[in-house]
C-alpha atoms as a PDB file:
ATOM      1  CA  MET A   1       7.113   5.745  -6.810  1.00  0.00           C
ATOM      2  CA  SER A   2       5.423   4.654 -10.042  1.00  0.00           C
ATOM      3  CA  LEU A   3       1.707   4.280 -10.302  1.00  0.00           C
ATOM      4  CA  THR A   4       1.538   2.442 -13.456  1.00  0.00           C
ATOM      5  CA  LEU A   5      -0.678   0.277 -11.973  1.00  0.00           C
ATOM      6  CA  GLY A   6      -2.060   1.841  -8.717  1.00  0.00           C
ATOM      7  CA  PRO A   7      -5.798   1.724  -7.789  1.00  0.00           C
ATOM      8  CA  ARG A   8      -9.086   2.430 -10.287  1.00  0.00           C
ATOM      9  CA  ALA A   9      -8.962   6.083  -9.681  1.00  0.00           C
ATOM     10  CA  VAL A  10      -5.528   6.758 -11.276  1.00  0.00           C
ATOM     11  CA  GLU A  11      -5.834   3.869 -14.118  1.00  0.00           C
ATOM     12  CA  ARG A  12      -9.088   5.001 -15.412  1.00  0.00           C
ATOM     13  CA  PRO A  13     -10.096   7.812 -13.611  1.00  0.00           C
ATOM     14  CA  ALA A  14     -13.355   7.992 -15.210  1.00  0.00           C
ATOM     15  CA  ASP A  15     -14.174   4.775 -13.504  1.00  0.00           C
ATOM     16  CA  ALA A  16     -13.408   6.172 -10.089  1.00  0.00           C
ATOM     17  CA  GLY A  17     -15.292   5.867  -7.009  1.00  0.00           C
ATOM     18  CA  TYR A  18     -16.085   2.654  -4.222  1.00  0.00           C
ATOM     19  CA  SER A  19     -18.527   1.549  -2.044  1.00  0.00           C
ATOM     20  CA  LEU A  20     -18.546   0.861   1.863  1.00  0.00           C
ATOM     21  CA  VAL A  21     -18.167  -2.480   3.263  1.00  0.00           C
ATOM     22  CA  GLY A  22     -19.579  -2.641   7.039  1.00  0.00           C
ATOM     23  CA  THR A  23     -22.021  -3.848   9.824  1.00  0.00           C
ATOM     24  CA  LEU A  24     -24.711  -1.730  10.738  1.00  0.00           C
ATOM     25  CA  ASP A  25     -22.783  -1.165  14.093  1.00  0.00           C
ATOM     26  CA  ASP A  26     -19.458  -0.139  12.722  1.00  0.00           C
ATOM     27  CA  PRO A  27     -18.978   3.387  12.108  1.00  0.00           C
ATOM     28  CA  SER A  28     -15.943   3.410  10.056  1.00  0.00           C
ATOM     29  CA  PRO A  29     -16.555   0.724   7.158  1.00  0.00           C
ATOM     30  CA  ALA A  30     -13.982   0.161   4.690  1.00  0.00           C
ATOM     31  CA  SER A  31     -13.943   1.223   1.012  1.00  0.00           C
ATOM     32  CA  VAL A  32     -13.953  -1.328  -2.071  1.00  0.00           C
ATOM     33  CA  ASP A  33     -13.106   0.596  -4.995  1.00  0.00           C
ATOM     34  CA  ARG A  34     -14.195  -0.063  -8.829  1.00  0.00           C
ATOM     35  CA  ALA A  35     -11.557  -3.006  -9.509  1.00  0.00           C
ATOM     36  CA  GLY A  36     -11.908  -4.464  -5.815  1.00  0.00           C
ATOM     37  CA  SER A  37      -8.814  -2.986  -4.404  1.00  0.00           C
ATOM     38  CA  VAL A  38      -9.661  -2.849  -0.200  1.00  0.00           C
ATOM     39  CA  GLN A  39      -8.638   0.514   2.172  1.00  0.00           C
ATOM     40  CA  PRO A  40      -9.787   0.149   6.167  1.00  0.00           C
ATOM     41  CA  PRO A  41     -10.794   2.726   7.690  1.00  0.00           C
ATOM     42  CA  GLU A  42      -8.084   5.259   9.050  1.00  0.00           C
ATOM     43  CA  ALA A  43      -5.738   3.486   7.069  1.00  0.00           C
ATOM     44  CA  ASP A  44      -3.155   4.601   4.144  1.00  0.00           C
ATOM     45  CA  PHE A  45      -2.413   1.208   2.754  1.00  0.00           C
ATOM     46  CA  SER A  46      -4.898  -0.465   0.337  1.00  0.00           C
ATOM     47  CA  ILE A  47      -4.912  -3.862  -0.352  1.00  0.00           C
ATOM     48  CA  ASP A  48      -4.869  -5.308  -4.318  1.00  0.00           C
ATOM     49  CA  TRP A  49      -5.480  -8.177  -6.004  1.00  0.00           C
ATOM     50  CA  TRP A  50      -3.838  -9.812  -9.520  1.00  0.00           C
ATOM     51  CA  ILE A  51      -4.227 -12.874 -11.352  1.00  0.00           C
ATOM     52  CA  GLY A  52      -1.600 -14.291 -13.299  1.00  0.00           C
ATOM     53  CA  ALA A  53      -3.146 -16.915 -16.412  1.00  0.00           C
ATOM     54  CA  ASP A  54      -1.294 -18.758 -19.467  1.00  0.00           C
ATOM     55  CA  ASP A  55      -1.225 -15.993 -21.365  1.00  0.00           C
ATOM     56  CA  ARG A  56      -0.582 -12.371 -18.796  1.00  0.00           C
ATOM     57  CA  TRP A  57      -0.784 -11.123 -16.022  1.00  0.00           C
ATOM     58  CA  TYR A  58      -4.276  -9.628 -15.033  1.00  0.00           C
ATOM     59  CA  PHE A  59      -4.582  -6.232 -13.329  1.00  0.00           C
ATOM     60  CA  PRO A  60      -8.284  -5.437 -12.730  1.00  0.00           C
ATOM     61  CA  SER A  61      -7.543  -1.535 -12.162  1.00  0.00           C
ATOM     62  CA  ARG A  62      -6.438  -1.569 -15.791  1.00  0.00           C
ATOM     63  CA  GLU A  63      -8.801  -3.804 -17.316  1.00  0.00           C
ATOM     64  CA  VAL A  64     -11.846  -3.153 -19.455  1.00  0.00           C
ATOM     65  CA  SER A  65     -13.596  -6.142 -18.430  1.00  0.00           C
ATOM     66  CA  VAL A  66     -14.217  -5.545 -14.697  1.00  0.00           C
ATOM     67  CA  ARG A  67     -17.715  -5.701 -13.277  1.00  0.00           C
ATOM     68  CA  GLN A  68     -19.004  -5.195  -9.977  1.00  0.00           C
ATOM     69  CA  ARG A  69     -22.509  -5.881  -8.247  1.00  0.00           C
ATOM     70  CA  ARG A  70     -23.803  -5.788  -4.870  1.00  0.00           C
ATOM     71  CA  LEU A  71     -25.121  -9.587  -4.385  1.00  0.00           C
ATOM     72  CA  GLY A  72     -28.349  -9.823  -3.058  1.00  0.00           C
ATOM     73  CA  ALA A  73     -29.422  -7.217  -0.093  1.00  0.00           C
ATOM     74  CA  GLY A  74     -26.386  -7.612   1.749  1.00  0.00           C
ATOM     75  CA  PRO A  75     -23.108  -5.967   2.210  1.00  0.00           C
ATOM     76  CA  VAL A  76     -20.919  -8.365  -0.561  1.00  0.00           C
ATOM     77  CA  ILE A  77     -19.651  -6.859  -3.510  1.00  0.00           C
ATOM     78  CA  GLU A  78     -18.207  -8.864  -6.190  1.00  0.00           C
ATOM     79  CA  THR A  79     -15.765  -7.537  -8.567  1.00  0.00           C
ATOM     80  CA  ALA A  80     -15.075  -9.997 -11.898  1.00  0.00           C
ATOM     81  CA  VAL A  81     -12.471  -9.780 -14.596  1.00  0.00           C
ATOM     82  CA  ARG A  82     -12.457 -11.740 -17.346  1.00  0.00           C
ATOM     83  CA  ILE A  83      -9.406 -14.401 -18.095  1.00  0.00           C
ATOM     84  CA  PRO A  84      -8.978 -16.767 -20.201  1.00  0.00           C
ATOM     85  CA  SER A  85     -12.372 -19.325 -20.620  1.00  0.00           C
ATOM     86  CA  GLY A  86     -13.838 -17.963 -17.410  1.00  0.00           C
ATOM     87  CA  ASP A  87     -13.939 -14.856 -14.330  1.00  0.00           C
ATOM     88  CA  ALA A  88     -11.535 -14.270 -11.836  1.00  0.00           C
ATOM     89  CA  LEU A  89     -14.216 -13.051  -8.928  1.00  0.00           C
ATOM     90  CA  HIS A  90     -13.153 -10.913  -5.997  1.00  0.00           C
ATOM     91  CA  ARG A  91     -15.703 -10.707  -2.668  1.00  0.00           C
ATOM     92  CA  ALA A  92     -15.553  -8.660  -0.134  1.00  0.00           C
ATOM     93  CA  TYR A  93     -17.235  -8.680   2.642  1.00  0.00           C
ATOM     94  CA  PRO A  94     -18.235  -7.490   6.513  1.00  0.00           C
ATOM     95  CA  VAL A  95     -18.025 -10.326   9.458  1.00  0.00           C
ATOM     96  CA  SER A  96     -17.688  -9.259  13.569  1.00  0.00           C
ATOM     97  CA  VAL A  97     -15.946 -11.591  15.782  1.00  0.00           C
ATOM     98  CA  LYS A  98     -15.449 -11.591  19.184  1.00  0.00           C
ATOM     99  CA  GLY A  99     -16.476  -7.394  19.352  1.00  0.00           C
ATOM    100  CA  THR A 100     -14.162  -6.498  16.472  1.00  0.00           C
ATOM    101  CA  THR A 101     -14.715  -5.848  12.487  1.00  0.00           C
ATOM    102  CA  ALA A 102     -13.134  -7.230   9.667  1.00  0.00           C
ATOM    103  CA  THR A 103     -13.588  -7.488   6.042  1.00  0.00           C
ATOM    104  CA  VAL A 104     -13.639 -11.078   3.876  1.00  0.00           C
ATOM    105  CA  ILE A 105     -11.386 -10.754   1.062  1.00  0.00           C
ATOM    106  CA  GLU A 106     -12.693 -13.906  -1.306  1.00  0.00           C
ATOM    107  CA  ILE A 107     -11.405 -14.646  -4.651  1.00  0.00           C
ATOM    108  CA  GLU A 108     -12.463 -17.445  -6.947  1.00  0.00           C
ATOM    109  CA  ASN A 109     -10.924 -18.685  -9.673  1.00  0.00           C
ATOM    110  CA  ASP A 110     -14.398 -19.462 -11.704  1.00  0.00           C
ATOM    111  CA  SER A 111     -12.555 -21.095 -14.711  1.00  0.00           C
ATOM    112  CA  PRO A 112     -11.459 -24.721 -15.545  1.00  0.00           C
ATOM    113  CA  VAL A 113      -7.768 -23.678 -15.696  1.00  0.00           C
ATOM    114  CA  PRO A 114      -5.873 -22.747 -12.880  1.00  0.00           C
ATOM    115  CA  VAL A 115      -4.215 -19.237 -12.388  1.00  0.00           C
ATOM    116  CA  ALA A 116      -1.809 -17.710 -10.200  1.00  0.00           C
ATOM    117  CA  LEU A 117      -2.847 -14.858  -7.278  1.00  0.00           C
ATOM    118  CA  ALA A 118      -0.895 -12.113  -5.851  1.00  0.00           C
ATOM    119  CA  VAL A 119      -2.302 -10.286  -3.369  1.00  0.00           C
ATOM    120  CA  ALA A 120      -0.605  -7.335  -2.766  1.00  0.00           C
ATOM    121  CA  VAL A 121      -0.318  -4.006   0.372  1.00  0.00           C
ATOM    122  CA  ARG A 122       0.443  -1.396  -1.572  1.00  0.00           C
ATOM    123  CA  PRO A 123       1.943   2.078   0.025  1.00  0.00           C
ATOM    124  CA  TYR A 124      -1.247   4.209  -1.043  1.00  0.00           C
ATOM    125  CA  ARG A 125      -5.064   4.875  -0.559  1.00  0.00           C
ATOM    126  CA  LEU A 126      -7.838   4.447  -3.335  1.00  0.00           C
ATOM    127  CA  ASP A 127      -7.537   8.369  -4.522  1.00  0.00           C
ATOM    128  CA  GLY A 128      -3.642   7.688  -5.412  1.00  0.00           C
ATOM    129  CA  SER A 129      -2.246   9.308  -2.130  1.00  0.00           C
ATOM    130  CA  PRO A 130       1.046   7.787  -1.284  1.00  0.00           C
ATOM    131  CA  SER A 131       2.311   6.786   2.208  1.00  0.00           C
ATOM    132  CA  HIS A 132       5.237   5.685   3.417  1.00  0.00           C
ATOM    133  CA  GLY A 133       6.801   3.693   6.439  1.00  0.00           C
ATOM    134  CA  ALA A 134       7.520   0.177   6.899  1.00  0.00           C
ATOM    135  CA  VAL A 135       5.926  -3.312   5.859  1.00  0.00           C
ATOM    136  CA  SER A 136       6.740  -6.768   6.773  1.00  0.00           C
ATOM    137  CA  ILE A 137       5.228 -10.257   5.926  1.00  0.00           C
ATOM    138  CA  ALA A 138       4.748 -13.574   8.538  1.00  0.00           C
ATOM    139  CA  ASP A 139       3.593 -16.523   7.959  1.00  0.00           C
ATOM    140  CA  ARG A 140       0.435 -15.933   8.702  1.00  0.00           C
ATOM    141  CA  ASP A 141       0.060 -11.923   8.268  1.00  0.00           C
ATOM    142  CA  VAL A 142       0.692  -8.755   6.835  1.00  0.00           C
ATOM    143  CA  LYS A 143       1.783  -5.305   8.947  1.00  0.00           C
ATOM    144  CA  VAL A 144       2.300  -2.226   8.051  1.00  0.00           C
ATOM    145  CA  GLY A 145       3.994  -0.679  10.731  1.00  0.00           C
ATOM    146  CA  ASP A 146       2.497  -2.520  14.295  1.00  0.00           C
ATOM    147  CA  ARG A 147      -1.127  -2.619  12.610  1.00  0.00           C
ATOM    148  CA  ILE A 148      -2.183  -5.742  10.801  1.00  0.00           C
ATOM    149  CA  ALA A 149      -3.411  -5.353   7.742  1.00  0.00           C
ATOM    150  CA  LEU A 150      -3.937  -8.607   6.075  1.00  0.00           C
ATOM    151  CA  CYS A 151      -4.636 -12.289   7.466  1.00  0.00           C
ATOM    152  CA  LEU A 152      -3.285 -14.844   5.018  1.00  0.00           C
ATOM    153  CA  PRO A 153      -4.767 -18.328   4.612  1.00  0.00           C
ATOM    154  CA  LYS A 154      -1.658 -20.387   5.014  1.00  0.00           C
ATOM    155  CA  ARG A 155       1.636 -19.654   3.877  1.00  0.00           C
ATOM    156  CA  ALA A 156       2.643 -17.917   0.736  1.00  0.00           C
ATOM    157  CA  ASN A 157       4.356 -20.011  -1.626  1.00  0.00           C
ATOM    158  CA  GLU A 158       6.116 -16.526  -2.578  1.00  0.00           C
ATOM    159  CA  ARG A 159       6.611 -13.099  -0.830  1.00  0.00           C
ATOM    160  CA  LEU A 160       8.141 -10.085  -1.151  1.00  0.00           C
ATOM    161  CA  ALA A 161       8.487  -6.890   0.413  1.00  0.00           C
ATOM    162  CA  THR A 162      10.083  -4.195  -1.439  1.00  0.00           C
ATOM    163  CA  ASN A 163      10.129  -0.281  -2.156  1.00  0.00           C
ATOM    164  CA  ARG A 164      10.163  -1.439  -5.469  1.00  0.00           C
ATOM    165  CA  GLU A 165       7.280  -0.925  -7.894  1.00  0.00           C
ATOM    166  CA  ILE A 166       6.416  -4.377  -7.065  1.00  0.00           C
ATOM    167  CA  ALA A 167       3.258  -4.725  -9.731  1.00  0.00           C
ATOM    168  CA  GLU A 168       5.789  -4.445 -12.160  1.00  0.00           C
ATOM    169  CA  LEU A 169       8.127  -7.010 -11.155  1.00  0.00           C
ATOM    170  CA  VAL A 170       5.051  -9.234 -11.000  1.00  0.00           C
ATOM    171  CA  GLU A 171       3.986  -8.041 -14.280  1.00  0.00           C
ATOM    172  CA  HIS A 172       7.485  -8.779 -15.602  1.00  0.00           C
ATOM    173  CA  GLY A 173       7.935 -12.377 -14.112  1.00  0.00           C
ATOM    174  CA  GLU A 174       9.947 -11.934 -11.746  1.00  0.00           C
ATOM    175  CA  SER A 175      10.373 -13.971  -8.860  1.00  0.00           C
ATOM    176  CA  LEU A 176       8.638 -13.010  -5.462  1.00  0.00           C
ATOM    177  CA  SER A 177      11.095 -14.812  -3.226  1.00  0.00           C
ATOM    178  CA  GLY A 178      13.634 -12.422  -1.069  1.00  0.00           C
ATOM    179  CA  ALA A 179      12.827 -10.033   1.899  1.00  0.00           C
ATOM    180  CA  ALA A 180       9.460 -10.038   3.838  1.00  0.00           C
ATOM    181  CA  GLU A 181      10.399  -6.387   4.886  1.00  0.00           C
ATOM    182  CA  SER A 182      10.536  -2.922   3.987  1.00  0.00           C
ATOM    183  CA  VAL A 183      11.271   0.245   5.395  1.00  0.00           C
ATOM    184  CA  GLY A 184      11.541   3.386   4.146  1.00  0.00           C
ATOM    185  CA  GLU A 185      10.184   5.268   0.857  1.00  0.00           C
ATOM    186  CA  HIS A 186       7.049   3.874  -0.604  1.00  0.00           C
ATOM    187  CA  PRO A 187       7.218   0.438   1.127  1.00  0.00           C
ATOM    188  CA  ASN A 188       4.586  -2.478  -0.480  1.00  0.00           C
ATOM    189  CA  ALA A 189       4.254  -6.316  -0.209  1.00  0.00           C
ATOM    190  CA  ALA A 190       2.732  -9.164  -2.105  1.00  0.00           C
ATOM    191  CA  VAL A 191       2.334 -12.967  -1.274  1.00  0.00           C
ATOM    192  CA  LEU A 192       1.410 -15.261  -4.238  1.00  0.00           C
ATOM    193  CA  TYR A 193      -0.424 -18.627  -4.091  1.00  0.00           C
ATOM    194  CA  PRO A 194      -1.753 -20.823  -6.730  1.00  0.00           C
ATOM    195  CA  LEU A 195      -5.605 -20.705  -7.329  1.00  0.00           C
ATOM    196  CA  PRO A 196      -6.535 -24.041  -8.935  1.00  0.00           C
ATOM    197  CA  HIS A 197     -10.019 -24.112 -11.367  1.00  0.00           C
ATOM    198  CA  ARG A 198     -12.683 -23.950  -9.083  1.00  0.00           C
ATOM    199  CA  THR A 199     -11.530 -23.002  -5.873  1.00  0.00           C
ATOM    200  CA  LYS A 200     -11.003 -19.813  -3.591  1.00  0.00           C
ATOM    201  CA  LEU A 201      -8.801 -18.439  -0.985  1.00  0.00           C
ATOM    202  CA  ARG A 202      -9.793 -15.739   1.702  1.00  0.00           C
ATOM    203  CA  PHE A 203      -8.075 -13.172   3.590  1.00  0.00           C
ATOM    204  CA  VAL A 204      -9.606 -10.966   6.913  1.00  0.00           C
ATOM    205  CA  VAL A 205      -8.939  -7.817   6.887  1.00  0.00           C
ATOM    206  CA  PRO A 206      -8.479  -6.093  10.338  1.00  0.00           C
ATOM    207  CA  LEU A 207     -10.622  -2.818  10.210  1.00  0.00           C
ATOM    208  CA  HIS A 208      -8.842  -0.921  13.089  1.00  0.00           C
ATOM    209  CA  PRO A 209      -5.585  -1.683  14.544  1.00  0.00           C
ATOM    210  CA  VAL A 210      -4.767  -4.780  16.546  1.00  0.00           C
END
């Protein structure tokens, strides 16, 4: 498996590290690396994000323009990457609903031009350790095995589950319209949405198997 577009710890080892995002009553918070990739606790997968602008695709794990900060005193981590005419912003913060906890991923196009957003469930942890199994995409969620890895805000415009290196397919402009399930070694999946200027989308990551 290629890790050429892997987590920050793989792409830029000097920037390796992560922050914890969780509620006070949750002993197992999510981890957010320096580029905004999210790993739920006890999971062997991570959730990445990529931005397609007019000039190229931007992969936060490798971009030198990535900045990260904690917003206020609360557990909100904001990651920004420079794109033409502005920034793409990624925020990760915890929520508690009906006794269960989750991490919200909010991605905003803070620029005056529309972009494409790809959100990917990747077959490795934030330290680059690979995994294998099965991944599947439904209208409103992505599963790794029987575990819901990502809840979607709406049906994606394009979606693909594959054993190929999906970041490379995105970078080369290949269509993500294809299989919705992949089984075997290093399966990964991505969903693609348009993100107009000054708008945002929210995704939910359950912290524990449901």
